[in-house]
Amino acid sequence: MLDLKRQYRPLHDELMAAIGRVLENQQFILGEPVTAFENAAAAQLGVAHAMGCSSGTDALWLALAAAGIQAGDAVLTTPFSFFASTSAILRAGATPILADIEPTTFNLDPQAVKTVLNGPRGAQVKAILPVHLFGQCADWAAFSQIGKQHGLKLIEDAAQVWGAEWNHPGGHATANGVSGDRSSSPGRKAGALGDAAAFSFYPTKNLSAAGDAGMVTTNSDELAERVRMLRQHGMRRRYYHDEVGWNARLDGIQGAILGVKLNYIEGWNQARRALARRYHALFHAAGLVEAGPYPAHGIILPHEVPGTRHVWHQYVVRTTRRDALRAFLTERKIGSEIYYPVPLHMQEALKSLGYPEGSFPQAERAAREVLALPIFPELREDEQQTVVAAIADFLS
């Protein structure tokens, strides 16, 4: 599913030198390696502030707390995401309110959000937390309009989309569902769209640390100052605590590693886009593709929404025989993964939210049908051919 050693080998000397400098300078928590990474990251994303922290989960909490989300508030988000999207809302003291997803992108559906906001629980909502899932931005034009109309904060869960763009001028519909990279003028990057954004650098992410790490980005000076304070136990001055914050600082070694990898992420993202185009071509050539949005006998391919730049953190197909296909691929020694097998409202830990099965039919159906196939920058063409051939054998 993912071979990180292929990424590590060519960077070995550069990474070891960066780690060695941290050991030499003894700046193990925050310090110059983290500051250098933060400055470079902010410049790359086109934001005023980027604050490294200990994990993507902590980044979500920091973004929410710094934006003023607190007990008595509600935050509207998706039931089809990793657990942290909702647990961070609870950790901020707020109530998660859920709305269903779009069947083609798996992202939060703006129409479903409008329905909730115009309903009896809408008055509680103080923020929307759209998740940019699998490497593609949620419909930010719609969410920006909704946020302005209802006076809501917009917090991006950008854990899977480093380098993705909204309003990308080169983005256009193509026959294979993935546009080229011909435009020299980029759109607005994920992380620079909302009031704040949270990134994860977990080792499986397209920009990855050698352990847990995260980041909050924002264009607000006030919000950035609060994030820096909250990530250090609520301190603006050492040993003077203005609020109850948390220990959510980024390690110097992780900052140094991410600083090296930041120089390569654009090339890696371009490689992922090329792999997605090749998957599309191979699946179409094999005659396995159905139009969708729901599968019948073949598979539904993911696609890039026109006007966006997808970074293909995951390549997720839909099939009615998902579990049997995954078992078949496992027998062939082909990795795959299910993101996500249980919608959040059906998780045992979140039953108190009060959503019974059937509350979000799109999310529940997606959880039964989605399968992520191997995609990482170093994946070879013959390996992709093996994946597609195995799926063709299964479907035949």
Protein backbone atom coordinates (compact mmCIF):
# COMPACT_ATOMS: atom_id res chain seq x y z
CA MET A 1 0.00 0.00 0.00
CA LEU A 2 2.85 2.37 0.84
CA ASP A 3 6.63 1.90 0.70
CA LEU A 4 8.25 4.77 2.59
CA LYS A 5 11.72 3.29 2.14
CA ARG A 6 11.62 4.28 -1.54
CA GLN A 7 11.19 7.93 -0.50
CA TYR A 8 13.80 7.72 2.25
CA ARG A 9 16.72 6.22 0.34
CA PRO A 10 17.47 9.15 -2.01
CA LEU A 11 17.06 11.62 0.88
CA HIS A 12 19.16 9.66 3.38
CA ASP A 13 22.21 11.94 3.44
CA GLU A 14 20.19 15.16 3.47
CA LEU A 15 17.89 13.95 6.25
CA MET A 16 20.73 12.65 8.40
CA ALA A 17 22.57 15.96 8.03
CA ALA A 18 19.44 17.87 9.11
CA ILE A 19 18.95 15.58 12.12
CA GLY A 20 22.64 15.92 12.97
CA ARG A 21 22.34 19.71 13.10
CA VAL A 22 19.51 19.41 15.61
CA LEU A 23 21.59 17.06 17.76
CA GLU A 24 24.54 19.44 17.52
CA ASN A 25 22.49 22.55 18.37
CA GLN A 26 20.34 20.77 21.00
CA GLN A 27 17.15 22.56 19.90
CA PHE A 28 14.85 19.62 20.49
CA ILE A 29 11.53 21.44 21.09
CA LEU A 30 10.51 24.23 18.68
CA GLY A 31 13.63 26.37 18.08
CA GLU A 32 15.31 27.28 14.80
CA PRO A 33 14.57 24.05 12.86
CA VAL A 34 10.85 24.45 13.52
CA THR A 35 10.86 28.20 12.82
CA ALA A 36 12.64 27.66 9.50
CA PHE A 37 10.11 25.02 8.50
CA GLU A 38 7.19 27.22 9.56
CA ASN A 39 8.45 30.17 7.51
CA ALA A 40 9.05 28.04 4.42
CA ALA A 41 5.67 26.33 4.80
CA ALA A 42 3.84 29.66 5.11
CA ALA A 43 5.56 30.95 1.97
CA GLN A 44 4.71 27.78 0.03
CA LEU A 45 1.03 27.89 1.02
CA GLY A 46 0.67 31.65 0.65
CA VAL A 47 -0.44 32.30 4.24
CA ALA A 48 0.73 34.80 6.81
CA HIS A 49 1.28 32.31 9.62
CA ALA A 50 2.15 28.62 9.95
CA MET A 51 2.56 27.10 13.43
CA GLY A 52 4.01 23.63 13.87
CA CYS A 53 2.52 21.39 16.53
CA SER A 54 2.66 17.85 17.85
CA SER A 55 0.04 16.15 15.62
CA GLY A 56 -2.77 16.73 13.17
CA THR A 57 -5.25 16.03 15.96
CA ASP A 58 -3.69 18.76 18.10
CA ALA A 59 -3.72 21.06 15.07
CA LEU A 60 -7.50 20.64 14.78
CA TRP A 61 -8.02 21.41 18.46
CA LEU A 62 -5.66 24.39 18.35
CA ALA A 63 -7.42 25.84 15.30
CA LEU A 64 -10.86 25.45 16.89
CA ALA A 65 -9.82 26.76 20.30
CA ALA A 66 -7.90 29.71 18.85
CA ALA A 67 -10.96 30.59 16.75
CA GLY A 68 -12.99 30.87 19.95
CA ILE A 69 -14.95 27.62 19.75
CA GLN A 70 -15.95 26.61 23.26
CA ALA A 71 -18.58 24.91 25.42
CA GLY A 72 -22.10 25.66 24.27
CA ASP A 73 -21.06 26.04 20.62
CA ALA A 74 -21.65 23.54 17.84
CA VAL A 75 -19.39 22.79 14.86
CA LEU A 76 -20.79 21.27 11.69
CA THR A 77 -18.69 18.62 9.98
CA THR A 78 -18.80 15.35 8.06
CA PRO A 79 -19.53 11.81 9.27
CA PHE A 80 -17.09 10.40 6.69
CA SER A 81 -13.60 11.19 7.96
CA PHE A 82 -10.98 10.10 10.45
CA PHE A 83 -12.10 10.14 14.09
CA ALA A 84 -10.04 13.25 14.95
CA SER A 85 -12.29 15.51 12.87
CA THR A 86 -15.04 14.99 15.43
CA SER A 87 -13.03 14.23 18.57
CA ALA A 88 -11.22 17.58 18.27
CA ILE A 89 -14.58 19.37 18.37
CA LEU A 90 -15.48 17.51 21.54
CA ARG A 91 -12.07 18.29 23.03
CA ALA A 92 -12.76 21.99 22.42
CA GLY A 93 -15.89 21.57 24.54
CA ALA A 94 -18.25 22.01 21.58
CA THR A 95 -20.90 19.74 20.08
CA PRO A 96 -20.33 18.08 16.68
CA ILE A 97 -23.28 18.34 14.30
CA LEU A 98 -23.04 16.24 11.17
CA ALA A 99 -24.25 16.57 7.57
CA ASP A 100 -24.02 14.07 4.73
CA ILE A 101 -21.43 13.89 1.95
CA GLU A 102 -21.38 14.17 -1.82
CA PRO A 103 -21.32 10.72 -3.49
CA THR A 104 -18.67 11.62 -6.07
CA THR A 105 -16.02 13.46 -4.03
CA PHE A 106 -16.89 12.04 -0.58
CA ASN A 107 -16.54 15.60 0.73
CA LEU A 108 -19.07 17.39 2.92
CA ASP A 109 -22.16 18.32 0.87
CA PRO A 110 -22.92 22.07 0.96
CA GLN A 111 -26.61 21.41 0.30
CA ALA A 112 -26.79 19.08 3.29
CA VAL A 113 -25.04 21.75 5.36
CA LYS A 114 -27.61 24.36 4.31
CA THR A 115 -30.41 22.01 5.36
CA VAL A 116 -28.91 21.63 8.82
CA LEU A 117 -28.28 25.36 9.23
CA ASN A 118 -31.87 26.15 8.30
CA GLY A 119 -33.17 23.53 10.72
CA PRO A 120 -33.78 23.53 14.47
CA ARG A 121 -30.08 23.00 15.39
CA GLY A 122 -28.71 25.61 13.01
CA ALA A 123 -28.64 28.40 15.59
CA GLN A 124 -26.11 26.46 17.69
CA VAL A 125 -23.55 26.26 14.89
CA LYS A 126 -20.60 28.64 15.23
CA ALA A 127 -18.23 27.06 12.71
CA ILE A 128 -18.04 24.64 9.81
CA LEU A 129 -15.20 22.11 9.62
CA PRO A 130 -15.08 20.79 6.03
CA VAL A 131 -12.60 17.96 5.48
CA HIS A 132 -10.62 18.08 2.24
CA LEU A 133 -10.75 14.33 1.77
CA PHE A 134 -8.29 12.09 -0.11
CA GLY A 135 -6.35 15.04 -1.56
CA GLN A 136 -9.14 17.21 -3.02
CA CYS A 137 -10.55 20.47 -1.66
CA ALA A 138 -14.14 20.60 -0.50
CA ASP A 139 -16.44 22.99 -2.43
CA TRP A 140 -14.95 26.17 -1.01
CA ALA A 141 -17.01 28.53 -3.13
CA ALA A 142 -20.15 27.12 -1.54
CA PHE A 143 -18.74 27.00 1.99
CA SER A 144 -17.37 30.53 1.76
CA GLN A 145 -20.81 31.79 0.76
CA ILE A 146 -22.49 29.79 3.53
CA GLY A 147 -20.00 31.07 6.10
CA LYS A 148 -20.62 34.70 5.16
CA GLN A 149 -24.39 34.27 5.04
CA HIS A 150 -24.57 32.73 8.51
CA GLY A 151 -21.61 34.50 10.14
CA LEU A 152 -19.68 31.29 10.75
CA LYS A 153 -15.99 30.50 11.18
CA LEU A 154 -14.55 28.19 8.53
CA ILE A 155 -11.87 25.77 9.73
CA GLU A 156 -10.23 23.51 7.14
CA ASP A 157 -9.35 19.93 8.02
CA ALA A 158 -6.46 19.89 5.57
CA ALA A 159 -4.76 16.76 6.90
CA GLN A 160 -4.64 15.07 3.48
CA VAL A 161 -4.13 17.91 1.03
CA TRP A 162 -0.73 19.58 1.24
CA GLY A 163 -0.38 21.34 -2.13
CA ALA A 164 -4.01 20.96 -3.26
CA GLU A 165 -5.60 24.06 -4.78
CA TRP A 166 -8.99 25.69 -5.17
CA ASN A 167 -9.76 27.89 -8.21
CA HIS A 168 -6.78 26.43 -10.04
CA PRO A 169 -6.81 28.20 -13.45
CA GLY A 170 -5.42 25.14 -15.22
CA GLY A 171 -8.08 22.84 -13.78
CA HIS A 172 -10.55 21.57 -16.36
CA ALA A 173 -12.55 18.47 -17.08
CA THR A 174 -10.75 15.83 -19.13
CA ALA A 175 -11.66 12.46 -20.54
CA ASN A 176 -9.68 10.61 -17.89
CA GLY A 177 -10.86 12.71 -14.95
CA VAL A 178 -7.45 14.23 -14.06
CA SER A 179 -6.30 17.54 -15.54
CA GLY A 180 -2.75 18.32 -16.56
CA ASP A 181 -0.41 20.78 -14.82
CA ARG A 182 0.02 23.30 -17.60
CA SER A 183 -0.96 26.48 -15.75
CA SER A 184 1.88 28.56 -14.32
CA SER A 185 -0.44 30.67 -12.11
CA PRO A 186 -1.64 28.61 -9.15
CA GLY A 187 -4.99 28.91 -7.42
CA ARG A 188 -5.49 29.35 -3.70
CA LYS A 189 -3.95 26.51 -1.75
CA ALA A 190 -5.66 24.43 0.87
CA GLY A 191 -4.65 25.91 4.18
CA ALA A 192 -5.20 29.46 2.90
CA LEU A 193 -8.94 29.22 2.30
CA GLY A 194 -10.64 29.47 5.69
CA ASP A 195 -10.15 31.32 8.96
CA ALA A 196 -7.67 28.59 9.93
CA ALA A 197 -6.56 25.17 8.75
CA ALA A 198 -5.12 22.05 10.36
CA PHE A 199 -2.54 19.81 8.66
CA SER A 200 -1.24 16.39 9.65
CA PHE A 201 2.26 15.13 8.88
CA TYR A 202 1.60 11.57 10.03
CA PRO A 203 3.99 9.20 8.18
CA THR A 204 1.35 8.13 5.63
CA LYS A 205 0.57 11.70 4.51
CA ASN A 206 1.87 13.13 1.23
CA LEU A 207 4.09 15.48 3.28
CA SER A 208 5.19 13.29 6.16
CA ALA A 209 7.29 13.43 9.31
CA ALA A 210 9.14 10.52 10.93
CA GLY A 211 6.42 10.31 13.58
CA ASP A 212 3.54 12.51 14.70
CA ALA A 213 3.52 16.18 13.70
CA GLY A 214 1.02 18.80 12.58
CA MET A 215 0.51 22.45 11.68
CA VAL A 216 -2.04 25.24 11.94
CA THR A 217 -2.15 27.91 9.24
CA THR A 218 -4.02 31.21 9.18
CA ASN A 219 -3.92 34.75 7.81
CA SER A 220 -5.15 36.18 11.12
CA ASP A 221 -2.50 37.71 13.38
CA GLU A 222 -4.77 37.34 16.41
CA LEU A 223 -5.58 33.70 15.75
CA ALA A 224 -1.92 32.87 15.13
CA GLU A 225 -0.88 34.47 18.41
CA ARG A 226 -3.48 32.38 20.26
CA VAL A 227 -2.28 29.16 18.61
CA ARG A 228 1.31 29.87 19.67
CA MET A 229 0.11 30.56 23.21
CA LEU A 230 -2.19 27.53 23.46
CA ARG A 231 0.41 25.07 22.13
CA GLN A 232 2.69 25.99 25.07
CA HIS A 233 0.37 25.45 28.05
CA GLY A 234 -1.31 28.82 27.55
CA MET A 235 1.92 30.79 28.09
CA ARG A 236 2.82 34.07 26.48
CA ARG A 237 5.66 34.47 28.98
CA ARG A 238 7.49 31.50 30.44
CA TYR A 239 5.72 30.20 33.57
CA TYR A 240 2.90 32.78 33.28
CA HIS A 241 -0.24 30.97 32.11
CA ASP A 242 -3.01 33.13 30.67
CA GLU A 243 -5.25 30.21 29.68
CA VAL A 244 -5.34 26.45 30.08
CA GLY A 245 -3.55 25.39 26.94
CA TRP A 246 -1.80 22.14 26.11
CA ASN A 247 1.64 20.70 25.43
CA ALA A 248 1.32 20.62 21.65
CA ARG A 249 4.75 21.75 20.47
CA LEU A 250 6.60 20.43 17.43
CA ASP A 251 9.90 18.59 17.99
CA GLY A 252 13.02 20.09 16.45
CA ILE A 253 13.94 16.82 14.71
CA GLN A 254 10.51 16.61 13.07
CA GLY A 255 10.79 20.25 12.01
CA ALA A 256 14.19 19.54 10.43
CA ILE A 257 12.88 16.46 8.58
CA LEU A 258 9.83 18.32 7.30
CA GLY A 259 12.02 21.24 6.22
CA VAL A 260 13.97 18.88 3.96
CA LYS A 261 10.88 17.19 2.55
CA LEU A 262 9.14 20.48 1.87
CA ASN A 263 11.62 21.04 -0.97
CA TYR A 264 10.41 17.87 -2.71
CA ILE A 265 6.64 17.89 -2.11
CA GLU A 266 5.72 19.63 -5.37
CA GLY A 267 7.52 16.98 -7.43
CA TRP A 268 5.95 14.22 -5.35
CA ASN A 269 2.50 15.70 -5.88
CA GLN A 270 3.09 15.88 -9.62
CA ALA A 271 4.12 12.22 -9.55
CA ARG A 272 0.90 11.34 -7.73
CA ARG A 273 -1.12 13.17 -10.37
CA ALA A 274 0.67 11.26 -13.13
CA LEU A 275 -0.08 8.00 -11.31
CA ALA A 276 -3.76 8.92 -11.07
CA ARG A 277 -3.88 9.62 -14.82
CA ARG A 278 -2.23 6.27 -15.48
CA TYR A 279 -4.69 4.42 -13.24
CA HIS A 280 -7.55 6.08 -15.08
CA ALA A 281 -6.13 5.08 -18.46
CA LEU A 282 -5.45 1.49 -17.37
CA PHE A 283 -8.92 1.01 -15.88
CA HIS A 284 -10.60 2.45 -18.96
CA ALA A 285 -8.46 0.30 -21.27
CA ALA A 286 -9.50 -2.77 -19.26
CA GLY A 287 -13.19 -1.89 -19.65
CA LEU A 288 -13.81 -1.89 -15.90
CA VAL A 289 -15.18 1.63 -15.45
CA GLU A 290 -18.81 2.54 -14.82
CA ALA A 291 -20.24 6.06 -14.99
CA GLY A 292 -21.55 6.21 -11.44
CA PRO A 293 -21.98 7.75 -9.02
CA TYR A 294 -22.81 4.29 -7.67
CA PRO A 295 -21.30 0.98 -8.83
CA ALA A 296 -23.23 -1.93 -10.28
CA HIS A 297 -20.87 -4.59 -11.66
CA GLY A 298 -17.62 -2.70 -12.26
CA ILE A 299 -15.88 0.12 -10.42
CA ILE A 300 -16.36 3.87 -10.10
CA LEU A 301 -13.16 5.88 -10.44
CA PRO A 302 -12.36 8.99 -8.42
CA HIS A 303 -12.19 12.25 -10.34
CA GLU A 304 -10.77 15.73 -10.09
CA VAL A 305 -13.39 18.48 -9.83
CA PRO A 306 -12.86 21.08 -12.58
CA GLY A 307 -11.18 24.19 -11.23
CA THR A 308 -9.27 22.30 -8.52
CA ARG A 309 -5.88 20.66 -8.20
CA HIS A 310 -6.14 17.22 -6.62
CA VAL A 311 -2.94 15.89 -4.99
CA TRP A 312 -4.18 12.28 -4.83
CA HIS A 313 -3.27 11.52 -1.26
CA GLN A 314 -5.46 8.46 -1.82
CA TYR A 315 -6.84 6.83 -4.97
CA VAL A 316 -10.24 5.56 -3.86
CA VAL A 317 -12.55 3.48 -6.05
CA ARG A 318 -16.08 2.25 -5.37
CA THR A 319 -17.36 -1.30 -5.86
CA THR A 320 -20.33 -3.24 -4.53
CA ARG A 321 -18.08 -6.22 -3.69
CA ARG A 322 -15.50 -4.23 -1.77
CA ASP A 323 -14.71 -6.69 1.01
CA ALA A 324 -14.38 -9.64 -1.37
CA LEU A 325 -12.16 -7.58 -3.70
CA ARG A 326 -9.91 -6.56 -0.84
CA ALA A 327 -9.53 -10.18 0.25
CA PHE A 328 -8.69 -11.13 -3.35
CA LEU A 329 -6.03 -8.41 -3.59
CA THR A 330 -4.55 -9.49 -0.28
CA GLU A 331 -4.18 -13.05 -1.63
CA ARG A 332 -2.27 -11.53 -4.58
CA LYS A 333 -0.06 -9.64 -2.09
CA ILE A 334 -1.47 -6.27 -3.23
CA GLY A 335 -2.05 -3.70 -0.52
CA SER A 336 -5.29 -1.79 -0.10
CA GLU A 337 -7.09 0.05 2.69
CA ILE A 338 -10.62 1.11 3.63
CA TYR A 339 -11.03 4.81 4.40
CA TYR A 340 -13.43 4.60 6.27
CA PRO A 341 -15.25 1.39 7.21
CA VAL A 342 -17.51 2.92 9.88
CA PRO A 343 -19.03 6.41 9.59
CA LEU A 344 -18.40 8.56 12.63
CA HIS A 345 -22.04 8.66 13.78
CA MET A 346 -21.98 4.85 14.01
CA GLN A 347 -18.80 4.67 16.10
CA GLU A 348 -19.37 3.29 19.60
CA ALA A 349 -17.58 6.28 21.15
CA LEU A 350 -19.90 8.77 19.39
CA LYS A 351 -23.30 7.17 19.90
CA SER A 352 -24.11 9.97 22.33
CA LEU A 353 -24.36 12.33 19.34
CA GLY A 354 -27.76 10.75 18.76
CA TYR A 355 -27.60 9.83 15.08
CA PRO A 356 -29.06 6.37 14.36
CA GLU A 357 -28.09 4.21 11.40
CA GLY A 358 -29.69 5.63 8.27
CA SER A 359 -29.10 9.25 9.27
CA PHE A 360 -26.49 9.80 6.54
CA PRO A 361 -27.18 7.40 3.65
CA GLN A 362 -24.40 8.71 1.39
CA ALA A 363 -21.72 8.31 4.06
CA GLU A 364 -23.03 4.89 5.07
CA ARG A 365 -23.08 3.63 1.48
CA ALA A 366 -19.60 4.99 0.83
CA ALA A 367 -18.33 3.15 3.91
CA ARG A 368 -19.55 -0.11 2.35
CA GLU A 369 -18.09 0.51 -1.12
CA VAL A 370 -14.81 2.49 -0.96
CA LEU A 371 -11.38 0.93 -1.40
CA ALA A 372 -8.07 2.82 -1.54
CA LEU A 373 -5.48 1.40 -3.95
CA PRO A 374 -1.71 1.88 -3.75
CA ILE A 375 -0.59 5.36 -4.76
CA PHE A 376 2.69 6.96 -3.70
CA PRO A 377 5.24 8.90 -5.79
CA GLU A 378 7.64 5.99 -6.25
CA LEU A 379 4.98 3.47 -7.40
CA ARG A 380 6.09 1.86 -10.67
CA GLU A 381 4.04 1.50 -13.85
CA ASP A 382 4.32 -2.29 -13.80
CA GLU A 383 2.96 -2.30 -10.24
CA GLN A 384 -0.05 -0.27 -11.31
CA GLN A 385 -0.59 -2.71 -14.18
CA THR A 386 -0.51 -5.57 -11.67
CA VAL A 387 -3.16 -3.85 -9.53
CA VAL A 388 -5.50 -3.25 -12.46
CA ALA A 389 -4.98 -6.75 -13.87
CA ALA A 390 -5.85 -8.28 -10.49
CA ILE A 391 -9.06 -6.24 -10.26
CA ALA A 392 -9.93 -7.27 -13.80
CA ASP A 393 -9.43 -10.93 -12.84
CA PHE A 394 -11.66 -10.50 -9.80
CA LEU A 395 -14.46 -8.77 -11.70
CA SER A 396 -14.37 -11.40 -14.46
